[in-house]
Amino acid sequence: MKYEESVRKAFQDSNIAFTREELDNIEYADFGLSNIKEEGLNLIIYINNDRYCAKEMVLLAGQTCPEHQHPRRGRNQEIEGKEETFRVRKGLVYLYVTGAPNVDGISAELPEKNKEWYSARHEIILKEGELFTIAPNTLHWFQAGEDGAIISEFSSPSDDSSDIFTNPQITR
């Protein structure tokens, strides 16, 4: 099965109702790494305006969204960085944020090609129905468990061009 077909099927199998237009406009983010099966993210954005953002995200099995943060932005840094709440709808998500590293190490497998660009080691394991809010400017990355994951994100406005990725090769 082609990559795009696998992602579309994951959205369709989620038991979330999507319009044909939403499914036809899935964003396949490879972050300019040409390694989307390992480091990538697949999104359906419902709304993103100057007040709030809502989206659904699919991560295939073991797929990782690279480490990044949402800093203050605007000409004079007058706009607070994005605060986001993740709610896992299906699957398991390993979320890593800055903070005390877990004593037993991490559960996720670092992407082989770019593992040096993952430094956050405070692990939060999110199961179906659980949620976690990531404060603005918090360094974070996340990875789906072995069955993949569907995540709903509710946040302040999303401005991909202001995100700062640890890996300088990433483009958004």
N, C-alpha and C. Protein backbone atom coordinates (compact mmCIF):
# COMPACT_ATOMS: atom_id res chain seq x y z
N MET A 1 0.85 -1.18 0.00
CA MET A 1 0.00 0.00 0.00
C MET A 1 0.89 1.24 0.00
N LYS A 2 0.56 2.22 -0.85
CA LYS A 2 1.32 3.46 -0.91
C LYS A 2 1.20 4.22 0.41
N TYR A 3 2.20 5.05 0.68
CA TYR A 3 2.23 5.82 1.92
C TYR A 3 0.95 6.64 2.11
N GLU A 4 0.58 7.41 1.10
CA GLU A 4 -0.60 8.26 1.21
C GLU A 4 -1.86 7.45 1.47
N GLU A 5 -1.96 6.27 0.84
CA GLU A 5 -3.12 5.40 1.06
C GLU A 5 -3.17 4.91 2.51
N SER A 6 -2.01 4.59 3.08
CA SER A 6 -1.94 4.14 4.48
C SER A 6 -2.41 5.23 5.43
N VAL A 7 -2.00 6.45 5.15
CA VAL A 7 -2.40 7.58 6.00
C VAL A 7 -3.90 7.83 5.88
N ARG A 8 -4.39 7.86 4.67
CA ARG A 8 -5.83 8.08 4.45
C ARG A 8 -6.65 6.99 5.14
N LYS A 9 -6.20 5.75 5.03
CA LYS A 9 -6.90 4.63 5.68
C LYS A 9 -6.90 4.81 7.20
N ALA A 10 -5.78 5.26 7.76
CA ALA A 10 -5.71 5.50 9.21
C ALA A 10 -6.73 6.55 9.64
N PHE A 11 -6.83 7.63 8.87
CA PHE A 11 -7.85 8.64 9.18
C PHE A 11 -9.24 8.03 9.08
N GLN A 12 -9.51 7.29 8.01
CA GLN A 12 -10.84 6.71 7.81
C GLN A 12 -11.18 5.67 8.87
N ASP A 13 -10.20 4.92 9.34
CA ASP A 13 -10.44 3.89 10.36
C ASP A 13 -10.54 4.46 11.78
N SER A 14 -10.38 5.75 11.92
CA SER A 14 -10.35 6.37 13.25
C SER A 14 -11.73 6.52 13.89
N ASN A 15 -12.78 6.31 13.12
CA ASN A 15 -14.16 6.55 13.58
C ASN A 15 -14.44 8.03 13.83
N ILE A 16 -13.63 8.90 13.24
CA ILE A 16 -13.89 10.34 13.24
C ILE A 16 -14.46 10.65 11.86
N ALA A 17 -15.53 11.41 11.81
CA ALA A 17 -16.15 11.74 10.53
C ALA A 17 -15.35 12.85 9.84
N PHE A 18 -14.92 12.56 8.62
CA PHE A 18 -14.20 13.55 7.80
C PHE A 18 -14.97 13.77 6.51
N THR A 19 -14.88 14.97 6.00
CA THR A 19 -15.48 15.24 4.69
C THR A 19 -14.52 14.74 3.61
N ARG A 20 -15.03 14.56 2.43
CA ARG A 20 -14.18 14.17 1.29
C ARG A 20 -13.10 15.23 1.06
N GLU A 21 -13.49 16.50 1.19
CA GLU A 21 -12.52 17.59 1.00
C GLU A 21 -11.37 17.50 2.01
N GLU A 22 -11.71 17.21 3.26
CA GLU A 22 -10.65 17.08 4.27
C GLU A 22 -9.70 15.93 3.92
N LEU A 23 -10.26 14.80 3.54
CA LEU A 23 -9.42 13.65 3.18
C LEU A 23 -8.61 13.90 1.91
N ASP A 24 -9.15 14.70 1.01
CA ASP A 24 -8.42 15.03 -0.22
C ASP A 24 -7.33 16.06 0.00
N ASN A 25 -7.35 16.72 1.16
CA ASN A 25 -6.38 17.77 1.45
C ASN A 25 -5.49 17.46 2.65
N ILE A 26 -5.25 16.19 2.91
CA ILE A 26 -4.33 15.80 3.98
C ILE A 26 -2.96 16.41 3.68
N GLU A 27 -2.36 16.98 4.70
CA GLU A 27 -1.00 17.51 4.56
C GLU A 27 -0.02 16.42 4.98
N TYR A 28 0.88 16.07 4.09
CA TYR A 28 1.91 15.07 4.36
C TYR A 28 3.22 15.84 4.60
N ALA A 29 3.57 16.04 5.85
CA ALA A 29 4.75 16.86 6.19
C ALA A 29 5.98 15.97 6.34
N ASP A 30 6.93 16.15 5.45
CA ASP A 30 8.18 15.38 5.56
C ASP A 30 9.32 16.23 6.10
N PHE A 31 9.03 17.50 6.39
CA PHE A 31 10.00 18.41 7.01
C PHE A 31 11.26 18.60 6.17
N GLY A 32 11.16 18.32 4.87
CA GLY A 32 12.30 18.49 3.98
C GLY A 32 13.37 17.43 4.15
N LEU A 33 13.06 16.35 4.88
CA LEU A 33 14.06 15.31 5.18
C LEU A 33 14.01 14.14 4.21
N SER A 34 12.97 14.06 3.40
CA SER A 34 12.78 12.94 2.46
C SER A 34 12.87 11.59 3.17
N ASN A 35 12.29 11.53 4.36
CA ASN A 35 12.34 10.36 5.22
C ASN A 35 11.01 10.23 5.97
N ILE A 36 9.90 10.48 5.26
CA ILE A 36 8.60 10.67 5.91
C ILE A 36 8.11 9.46 6.71
N LYS A 37 8.46 8.26 6.30
CA LYS A 37 7.99 7.08 7.05
C LYS A 37 8.59 7.03 8.44
N GLU A 38 9.78 7.60 8.61
CA GLU A 38 10.42 7.61 9.92
C GLU A 38 10.21 8.94 10.64
N GLU A 39 10.39 10.05 9.90
CA GLU A 39 10.23 11.39 10.48
C GLU A 39 9.24 12.16 9.62
N GLY A 40 8.02 12.27 10.11
CA GLY A 40 6.99 12.95 9.36
C GLY A 40 5.74 13.11 10.20
N LEU A 41 4.75 13.76 9.62
CA LEU A 41 3.49 14.00 10.30
C LEU A 41 2.43 14.22 9.24
N ASN A 42 1.23 13.76 9.51
CA ASN A 42 0.13 13.83 8.55
C ASN A 42 -1.04 14.53 9.22
N LEU A 43 -1.54 15.59 8.59
CA LEU A 43 -2.49 16.46 9.27
C LEU A 43 -3.73 16.77 8.45
N ILE A 44 -4.83 16.89 9.17
CA ILE A 44 -6.05 17.50 8.65
C ILE A 44 -6.29 18.70 9.56
N ILE A 45 -6.27 19.88 8.97
CA ILE A 45 -6.46 21.11 9.75
C ILE A 45 -7.90 21.56 9.56
N TYR A 46 -8.64 21.61 10.67
CA TYR A 46 -10.03 22.06 10.61
C TYR A 46 -10.10 23.57 10.50
N ILE A 47 -9.33 24.21 11.38
CA ILE A 47 -9.35 25.67 11.44
C ILE A 47 -8.04 26.16 12.04
N ASN A 48 -7.57 27.28 11.53
CA ASN A 48 -6.38 27.94 12.07
C ASN A 48 -6.55 29.42 11.78
N ASN A 49 -6.97 30.15 12.81
CA ASN A 49 -7.17 31.58 12.62
C ASN A 49 -6.35 32.35 13.66
N ASP A 50 -6.62 33.61 13.84
CA ASP A 50 -5.81 34.41 14.76
C ASP A 50 -6.17 34.19 16.23
N ARG A 51 -7.12 33.29 16.51
CA ARG A 51 -7.51 33.01 17.89
C ARG A 51 -7.22 31.58 18.33
N TYR A 52 -7.38 30.61 17.42
CA TYR A 52 -7.20 29.21 17.80
C TYR A 52 -6.97 28.32 16.59
N CYS A 53 -6.58 27.08 16.87
CA CYS A 53 -6.31 26.10 15.82
C CYS A 53 -6.81 24.73 16.30
N ALA A 54 -7.37 23.95 15.37
CA ALA A 54 -7.79 22.58 15.68
C ALA A 54 -7.42 21.69 14.50
N LYS A 55 -6.83 20.54 14.80
CA LYS A 55 -6.40 19.63 13.75
C LYS A 55 -6.38 18.20 14.25
N GLU A 56 -6.38 17.27 13.30
CA GLU A 56 -6.18 15.85 13.58
C GLU A 56 -4.84 15.47 12.96
N MET A 57 -4.11 14.63 13.65
CA MET A 57 -2.81 14.19 13.15
C MET A 57 -2.74 12.67 13.17
N VAL A 58 -2.16 12.11 12.13
CA VAL A 58 -1.89 10.68 12.07
C VAL A 58 -0.39 10.49 12.06
N LEU A 59 0.06 9.59 12.90
CA LEU A 59 1.43 9.08 12.87
C LEU A 59 1.31 7.59 12.59
N LEU A 60 2.00 7.12 11.58
CA LEU A 60 2.03 5.68 11.33
C LEU A 60 2.93 5.01 12.35
N ALA A 61 2.93 3.71 12.40
CA ALA A 61 3.70 2.96 13.41
C ALA A 61 5.15 3.44 13.47
N GLY A 62 5.57 3.88 14.65
CA GLY A 62 6.95 4.31 14.87
C GLY A 62 7.33 5.64 14.26
N GLN A 63 6.41 6.29 13.59
CA GLN A 63 6.71 7.57 12.94
C GLN A 63 6.91 8.66 14.00
N THR A 64 7.85 9.56 13.74
CA THR A 64 8.24 10.59 14.71
C THR A 64 8.07 11.98 14.14
N CYS A 65 7.47 12.86 14.93
CA CYS A 65 7.47 14.28 14.61
C CYS A 65 8.73 14.86 15.24
N PRO A 66 9.62 15.46 14.43
CA PRO A 66 10.91 15.92 14.93
C PRO A 66 10.83 16.95 16.05
N GLU A 67 11.91 17.01 16.81
CA GLU A 67 12.01 17.92 17.96
C GLU A 67 11.94 19.38 17.51
N HIS A 68 11.10 20.14 18.22
CA HIS A 68 10.91 21.55 17.89
C HIS A 68 10.29 22.29 19.08
N GLN A 69 10.18 23.59 18.91
CA GLN A 69 9.50 24.42 19.90
C GLN A 69 8.75 25.53 19.18
N HIS A 70 7.81 26.13 19.90
CA HIS A 70 6.98 27.20 19.36
C HIS A 70 7.29 28.48 20.14
N PRO A 71 8.26 29.28 19.67
CA PRO A 71 8.72 30.46 20.41
C PRO A 71 7.79 31.66 20.27
N ARG A 72 8.07 32.69 21.05
CA ARG A 72 7.38 33.96 20.86
C ARG A 72 7.63 34.41 19.43
N ARG A 73 6.70 35.17 18.89
CA ARG A 73 6.86 35.62 17.51
C ARG A 73 6.31 37.02 17.34
N GLY A 74 6.42 37.52 16.15
CA GLY A 74 6.00 38.88 15.86
C GLY A 74 7.22 39.78 15.78
N ARG A 75 7.03 40.95 15.23
CA ARG A 75 8.13 41.89 15.02
C ARG A 75 8.91 42.16 16.31
N ASN A 76 8.19 42.33 17.41
CA ASN A 76 8.83 42.62 18.70
C ASN A 76 8.62 41.49 19.71
N GLN A 77 8.44 40.28 19.19
CA GLN A 77 8.20 39.12 20.05
C GLN A 77 6.99 39.32 20.96
N GLU A 78 6.01 40.08 20.46
CA GLU A 78 4.84 40.42 21.27
C GLU A 78 3.79 39.31 21.31
N ILE A 79 3.92 38.31 20.45
CA ILE A 79 2.93 37.24 20.38
C ILE A 79 3.49 36.00 21.07
N GLU A 80 2.75 35.51 22.04
CA GLU A 80 3.16 34.30 22.78
C GLU A 80 3.28 33.13 21.81
N GLY A 81 4.20 32.22 22.07
CA GLY A 81 4.33 31.02 21.26
C GLY A 81 3.10 30.13 21.41
N LYS A 82 2.97 29.18 20.52
CA LYS A 82 1.80 28.30 20.51
C LYS A 82 1.77 27.39 21.73
N GLU A 83 0.61 27.35 22.38
CA GLU A 83 0.34 26.36 23.42
C GLU A 83 -0.57 25.33 22.78
N GLU A 84 -0.24 24.05 22.98
CA GLU A 84 -1.04 23.01 22.33
C GLU A 84 -1.39 21.89 23.30
N THR A 85 -2.60 21.40 23.13
CA THR A 85 -3.05 20.25 23.90
C THR A 85 -3.25 19.09 22.94
N PHE A 86 -2.60 17.98 23.24
CA PHE A 86 -2.76 16.75 22.47
C PHE A 86 -3.73 15.84 23.20
N ARG A 87 -4.65 15.24 22.46
CA ARG A 87 -5.52 14.19 23.00
C ARG A 87 -5.39 13.01 22.07
N VAL A 88 -5.00 11.88 22.62
CA VAL A 88 -4.82 10.69 21.81
C VAL A 88 -6.18 10.03 21.60
N ARG A 89 -6.56 9.92 20.34
CA ARG A 89 -7.84 9.31 19.98
C ARG A 89 -7.68 7.81 19.76
N LYS A 90 -6.52 7.42 19.25
CA LYS A 90 -6.29 6.01 18.94
C LYS A 90 -4.80 5.75 19.02
N GLY A 91 -4.43 4.62 19.58
CA GLY A 91 -3.02 4.24 19.65
C GLY A 91 -2.33 4.73 20.90
N LEU A 92 -1.02 4.81 20.81
CA LEU A 92 -0.15 5.19 21.92
C LEU A 92 0.86 6.20 21.40
N VAL A 93 1.14 7.22 22.20
CA VAL A 93 2.09 8.26 21.80
C VAL A 93 3.14 8.43 22.89
N TYR A 94 4.39 8.42 22.47
CA TYR A 94 5.50 8.75 23.36
C TYR A 94 5.83 10.21 23.11
N LEU A 95 5.60 11.05 24.11
CA LEU A 95 5.85 12.49 24.01
C LEU A 95 7.05 12.82 24.88
N TYR A 96 7.96 13.61 24.34
CA TYR A 96 9.17 14.01 25.07
C TYR A 96 9.25 15.51 25.13
N VAL A 97 9.45 16.03 26.34
CA VAL A 97 9.56 17.46 26.57
C VAL A 97 10.81 17.73 27.40
N THR A 98 11.21 18.99 27.45
CA THR A 98 12.33 19.34 28.31
C THR A 98 11.93 19.07 29.76
N GLY A 99 12.89 18.73 30.55
CA GLY A 99 12.64 18.39 31.95
C GLY A 99 13.55 17.26 32.36
N ALA A 100 13.37 16.79 33.57
CA ALA A 100 14.21 15.72 34.08
C ALA A 100 14.06 14.48 33.21
N PRO A 101 15.18 13.93 32.72
CA PRO A 101 15.08 12.71 31.90
C PRO A 101 14.59 11.54 32.73
N ASN A 102 13.93 10.62 32.07
CA ASN A 102 13.46 9.42 32.76
C ASN A 102 14.65 8.57 33.17
N VAL A 103 14.62 8.04 34.35
CA VAL A 103 15.71 7.25 34.90
C VAL A 103 15.99 6.01 34.05
N ASP A 104 14.93 5.38 33.55
CA ASP A 104 15.09 4.14 32.78
C ASP A 104 15.31 4.37 31.29
N GLY A 105 15.58 5.61 30.89
CA GLY A 105 15.75 5.90 29.47
C GLY A 105 14.41 6.18 28.82
N ILE A 106 14.37 6.08 27.50
CA ILE A 106 13.13 6.39 26.78
C ILE A 106 12.57 5.14 26.10
N SER A 107 11.26 5.16 25.89
CA SER A 107 10.59 4.03 25.26
C SER A 107 10.66 4.10 23.74
N ALA A 108 10.72 5.30 23.19
CA ALA A 108 10.75 5.48 21.74
C ALA A 108 12.10 5.06 21.18
N GLU A 109 12.10 4.77 19.88
CA GLU A 109 13.35 4.50 19.17
C GLU A 109 13.70 5.74 18.38
N LEU A 110 14.86 6.31 18.66
CA LEU A 110 15.26 7.52 17.95
C LEU A 110 15.45 7.23 16.46
N PRO A 111 15.02 8.15 15.61
CA PRO A 111 15.23 7.96 14.17
C PRO A 111 16.73 7.80 13.88
N GLU A 112 17.07 6.73 13.25
CA GLU A 112 18.48 6.38 13.02
C GLU A 112 19.24 7.48 12.29
N LYS A 113 18.62 8.01 11.24
CA LYS A 113 19.30 8.98 10.39
C LYS A 113 19.63 10.30 11.10
N ASN A 114 18.79 10.72 12.05
CA ASN A 114 18.94 12.04 12.66
C ASN A 114 18.87 12.01 14.19
N LYS A 115 19.29 10.92 14.80
CA LYS A 115 19.10 10.78 16.25
C LYS A 115 19.81 11.84 17.08
N GLU A 116 20.84 12.46 16.54
CA GLU A 116 21.57 13.48 17.31
C GLU A 116 20.74 14.75 17.53
N TRP A 117 19.61 14.88 16.81
CA TRP A 117 18.80 16.09 16.91
C TRP A 117 17.62 15.93 17.87
N TYR A 118 17.67 14.93 18.74
CA TYR A 118 16.61 14.69 19.72
C TYR A 118 17.20 14.75 21.11
N SER A 119 16.94 15.84 21.83
CA SER A 119 17.56 16.03 23.14
C SER A 119 16.57 15.96 24.30
N ALA A 120 15.30 16.29 24.09
CA ALA A 120 14.31 16.23 25.17
C ALA A 120 14.12 14.78 25.57
N ARG A 121 14.21 14.51 26.87
CA ARG A 121 14.15 13.13 27.35
C ARG A 121 13.15 12.90 28.50
N HIS A 122 12.34 13.91 28.81
CA HIS A 122 11.32 13.71 29.83
C HIS A 122 10.11 13.08 29.14
N GLU A 123 9.88 11.80 29.42
CA GLU A 123 8.87 11.02 28.70
C GLU A 123 7.50 11.10 29.35
N ILE A 124 6.52 11.32 28.50
CA ILE A 124 5.11 11.24 28.89
C ILE A 124 4.47 10.24 27.92
N ILE A 125 3.91 9.18 28.45
CA ILE A 125 3.25 8.19 27.61
C ILE A 125 1.76 8.48 27.63
N LEU A 126 1.22 8.74 26.44
CA LEU A 126 -0.20 9.06 26.31
C LEU A 126 -0.93 7.90 25.66
N LYS A 127 -1.93 7.38 26.36
CA LYS A 127 -2.77 6.30 25.86
C LYS A 127 -4.08 6.90 25.34
N GLU A 128 -4.86 6.08 24.68
CA GLU A 128 -6.14 6.54 24.14
C GLU A 128 -6.97 7.25 25.20
N GLY A 129 -7.46 8.43 24.85
CA GLY A 129 -8.30 9.22 25.75
C GLY A 129 -7.52 10.15 26.66
N GLU A 130 -6.21 10.01 26.71
CA GLU A 130 -5.41 10.87 27.59
C GLU A 130 -4.97 12.12 26.83
N LEU A 131 -4.69 13.17 27.61
CA LEU A 131 -4.25 14.40 26.99
C LEU A 131 -3.13 15.04 27.79
N PHE A 132 -2.42 15.92 27.11
CA PHE A 132 -1.31 16.66 27.73
C PHE A 132 -1.20 18.01 27.03
N THR A 133 -0.97 19.05 27.83
CA THR A 133 -0.80 20.39 27.28
C THR A 133 0.68 20.77 27.32
N ILE A 134 1.17 21.21 26.17
CA ILE A 134 2.56 21.63 26.02
C ILE A 134 2.60 23.16 26.06
N ALA A 135 3.33 23.70 27.02
CA ALA A 135 3.43 25.15 27.17
C ALA A 135 4.22 25.76 26.01
N PRO A 136 3.97 27.04 25.72
CA PRO A 136 4.73 27.71 24.67
C PRO A 136 6.24 27.61 24.91
N ASN A 137 6.99 27.57 23.83
CA ASN A 137 8.45 27.56 23.84
C ASN A 137 9.06 26.33 24.52
N THR A 138 8.29 25.26 24.66
CA THR A 138 8.79 24.01 25.25
C THR A 138 9.34 23.12 24.14
N LEU A 139 10.59 22.74 24.27
CA LEU A 139 11.18 21.81 23.30
C LEU A 139 10.47 20.47 23.43
N HIS A 140 10.02 19.89 22.31
CA HIS A 140 9.29 18.62 22.37
C HIS A 140 9.37 17.88 21.04
N TRP A 141 9.12 16.58 21.12
CA TRP A 141 8.99 15.70 19.96
C TRP A 141 8.11 14.54 20.38
N PHE A 142 7.56 13.83 19.41
CA PHE A 142 6.69 12.72 19.76
C PHE A 142 6.73 11.64 18.69
N GLN A 143 6.38 10.42 19.14
CA GLN A 143 6.45 9.25 18.28
C GLN A 143 5.27 8.33 18.56
N ALA A 144 4.73 7.73 17.51
CA ALA A 144 3.64 6.77 17.66
C ALA A 144 4.17 5.43 18.11
N GLY A 145 3.34 4.70 18.84
CA GLY A 145 3.67 3.34 19.22
C GLY A 145 3.58 2.41 18.02
N GLU A 146 3.66 1.12 18.28
CA GLU A 146 3.76 0.13 17.20
C GLU A 146 2.51 0.01 16.33
N ASP A 147 1.37 0.53 16.79
CA ASP A 147 0.15 0.47 15.99
C ASP A 147 -0.21 1.82 15.35
N GLY A 148 0.67 2.80 15.46
CA GLY A 148 0.38 4.13 14.96
C GLY A 148 -0.51 4.88 15.94
N ALA A 149 -0.86 6.11 15.60
CA ALA A 149 -1.66 6.93 16.51
C ALA A 149 -2.44 7.99 15.75
N ILE A 150 -3.57 8.35 16.35
CA ILE A 150 -4.37 9.49 15.88
C ILE A 150 -4.42 10.45 17.06
N ILE A 151 -4.05 11.70 16.80
CA ILE A 151 -3.98 12.70 17.86
C ILE A 151 -4.80 13.91 17.44
N SER A 152 -5.66 14.38 18.33
CA SER A 152 -6.33 15.66 18.12
C SER A 152 -5.48 16.72 18.78
N GLU A 153 -5.30 17.84 18.09
CA GLU A 153 -4.57 18.96 18.66
C GLU A 153 -5.48 20.16 18.71
N PHE A 154 -5.52 20.78 19.89
CA PHE A 154 -6.24 22.03 20.11
C PHE A 154 -5.19 23.01 20.59
N SER A 155 -5.10 24.17 19.94
CA SER A 155 -4.00 25.07 20.29
C SER A 155 -4.34 26.52 20.03
N SER A 156 -3.44 27.37 20.48
CA SER A 156 -3.48 28.75 20.05
C SER A 156 -3.05 28.74 18.58
N PRO A 157 -3.10 29.86 17.87
CA PRO A 157 -2.82 29.84 16.43
C PRO A 157 -1.50 29.16 16.09
N SER A 158 -1.53 28.43 14.99
CA SER A 158 -0.36 27.70 14.51
C SER A 158 0.32 28.53 13.42
N ASP A 159 1.63 28.71 13.56
CA ASP A 159 2.42 29.46 12.59
C ASP A 159 3.68 28.65 12.32
N ASP A 160 3.57 27.69 11.40
CA ASP A 160 4.68 26.76 11.14
C ASP A 160 5.99 27.46 10.84
N SER A 161 5.94 28.61 10.18
CA SER A 161 7.17 29.28 9.79
C SER A 161 7.95 29.82 10.99
N SER A 162 7.30 29.96 12.13
CA SER A 162 8.02 30.45 13.32
C SER A 162 8.55 29.33 14.21
N ASP A 163 8.16 28.08 13.92
CA ASP A 163 8.66 26.95 14.72
C ASP A 163 10.17 26.85 14.58
N ILE A 164 10.81 26.48 15.66
CA ILE A 164 12.26 26.27 15.64
C ILE A 164 12.52 24.77 15.83
N PHE A 165 13.14 24.17 14.84
CA PHE A 165 13.48 22.74 14.90
C PHE A 165 14.93 22.61 15.33
N THR A 166 15.21 21.58 16.13
CA THR A 166 16.57 21.33 16.58
C THR A 166 17.47 20.99 15.39
N ASN A 167 16.96 20.20 14.47
CA ASN A 167 17.72 19.82 13.28
C ASN A 167 17.68 20.98 12.29
N PRO A 168 18.83 21.60 12.01
CA PRO A 168 18.83 22.77 11.11
C PRO A 168 18.50 22.44 9.66
N GLN A 169 18.46 21.16 9.29
CA GLN A 169 18.13 20.76 7.92
C GLN A 169 16.62 20.77 7.66
N ILE A 170 15.83 20.89 8.72
CA ILE A 170 14.38 20.83 8.57
C ILE A 170 13.83 22.11 7.98
N THR A 171 12.92 21.94 7.03
CA THR A 171 12.17 23.06 6.47
C THR A 171 10.69 22.77 6.63
N ARG A 172 9.92 23.80 6.82
CA ARG A 172 8.47 23.61 7.02
C ARG A 172 7.73 24.56 6.13
